[in-house]
């Protein structure tokens, strides 16, 4: 069994990069009126960026299941 961090490396990298990007989005673009739900507070935009980054990079995870071509997929 693989360790958790080795198994989910791409997702963890996506969460970290997304959180940083979300914070910088709030810092440099943000919402001046305060009525924007995501970009009005740094915590909201950081969490949103982390979720989006994690989901985006988790799509590139390779599936290591092996399937039988004949249709008999018993383990």
Protein backbone atom coordinates (compact mmCIF):
# COMPACT_ATOMS: atom_id res chain seq x y z
CA UNK A 1 0.00 0.00 0.00
CA UNK A 2 1.41 3.38 -1.02
CA UNK A 3 1.73 6.20 1.49
CA UNK A 4 -0.98 8.87 1.25
CA UNK A 5 1.30 11.69 0.10
CA UNK A 6 2.96 9.62 -2.61
CA UNK A 7 -0.40 8.45 -3.92
CA UNK A 8 -1.95 11.96 -4.04
CA UNK A 9 1.08 14.05 -5.00
CA UNK A 10 -0.54 15.83 -7.95
CA UNK A 11 -3.66 16.69 -5.98
CA UNK A 12 -1.62 18.11 -3.09
CA UNK A 13 0.47 20.20 -5.49
CA UNK A 14 -2.75 21.46 -7.09
CA UNK A 15 -4.18 22.45 -3.71
CA UNK A 16 -1.05 24.38 -2.73
CA UNK A 17 -0.66 26.15 -6.09
CA UNK A 18 -4.39 26.89 -6.24
CA UNK A 19 -4.38 28.37 -2.74
CA UNK A 20 -1.45 30.63 -3.62
CA UNK A 21 -3.14 31.68 -6.86
CA UNK A 22 -6.41 32.35 -5.04
CA UNK A 23 -4.68 34.56 -2.50
CA UNK A 24 -2.85 36.51 -5.20
CA UNK A 25 -6.10 36.90 -7.10
CA UNK A 26 -7.66 38.49 -4.01
CA UNK A 27 -4.57 40.65 -3.44
CA UNK A 28 -4.21 42.05 -6.96
CA UNK A 29 -7.71 41.79 -8.50
CA UNK A 30 -10.10 41.36 -5.59
CA UNK A 31 -13.44 43.06 -5.15
CA UNK A 32 -13.46 46.71 -4.17
CA UNK A 33 -17.14 46.89 -3.21
CA UNK A 34 -17.10 43.86 -0.89
CA UNK A 35 -20.21 42.37 -2.47
CA UNK A 36 -18.39 39.56 -4.31
CA UNK A 37 -18.86 36.28 -2.49
CA UNK A 38 -15.56 34.67 -3.43
CA UNK A 39 -13.12 37.55 -3.80
CA UNK A 40 -14.27 39.85 -0.99
CA UNK A 41 -12.21 38.06 1.68
CA UNK A 42 -8.76 36.47 1.35
CA UNK A 43 -9.85 33.28 3.10
CA UNK A 44 -12.69 32.71 0.63
CA UNK A 45 -10.57 33.20 -2.46
CA UNK A 46 -7.71 31.11 -1.03
CA UNK A 47 -10.01 28.19 -0.22
CA UNK A 48 -11.75 28.45 -3.57
CA UNK A 49 -8.41 28.46 -5.37
CA UNK A 50 -7.26 25.44 -3.35
CA UNK A 51 -10.37 23.44 -4.24
CA UNK A 52 -10.19 24.34 -7.93
CA UNK A 53 -6.45 23.61 -8.10
CA UNK A 54 -6.86 20.26 -6.36
CA UNK A 55 -9.71 19.23 -8.62
CA UNK A 56 -7.88 20.36 -11.73
CA UNK A 57 -4.68 18.45 -11.07
CA UNK A 58 -6.48 15.37 -9.74
CA UNK A 59 -7.90 14.86 -13.22
CA UNK A 60 -4.39 14.01 -14.45
CA UNK A 61 -4.02 11.10 -12.01
CA UNK A 62 -3.40 7.80 -13.77
CA UNK A 63 -5.77 4.93 -13.13
CA UNK A 64 -3.68 1.82 -12.45
CA UNK A 65 -6.49 -0.73 -12.69
CA UNK A 66 -5.90 -3.42 -15.26
CA UNK A 67 -8.87 -4.67 -17.20
CA UNK A 68 -9.21 -7.83 -19.20
CA UNK A 69 -9.97 -7.16 -22.86
CA UNK A 70 -12.41 -10.07 -22.97
CA UNK A 71 -14.76 -8.26 -20.59
CA UNK A 72 -14.05 -10.52 -17.61
CA UNK A 73 -12.86 -7.96 -15.08
CA UNK A 74 -12.65 -10.13 -12.00
CA UNK A 75 -9.91 -9.28 -9.52
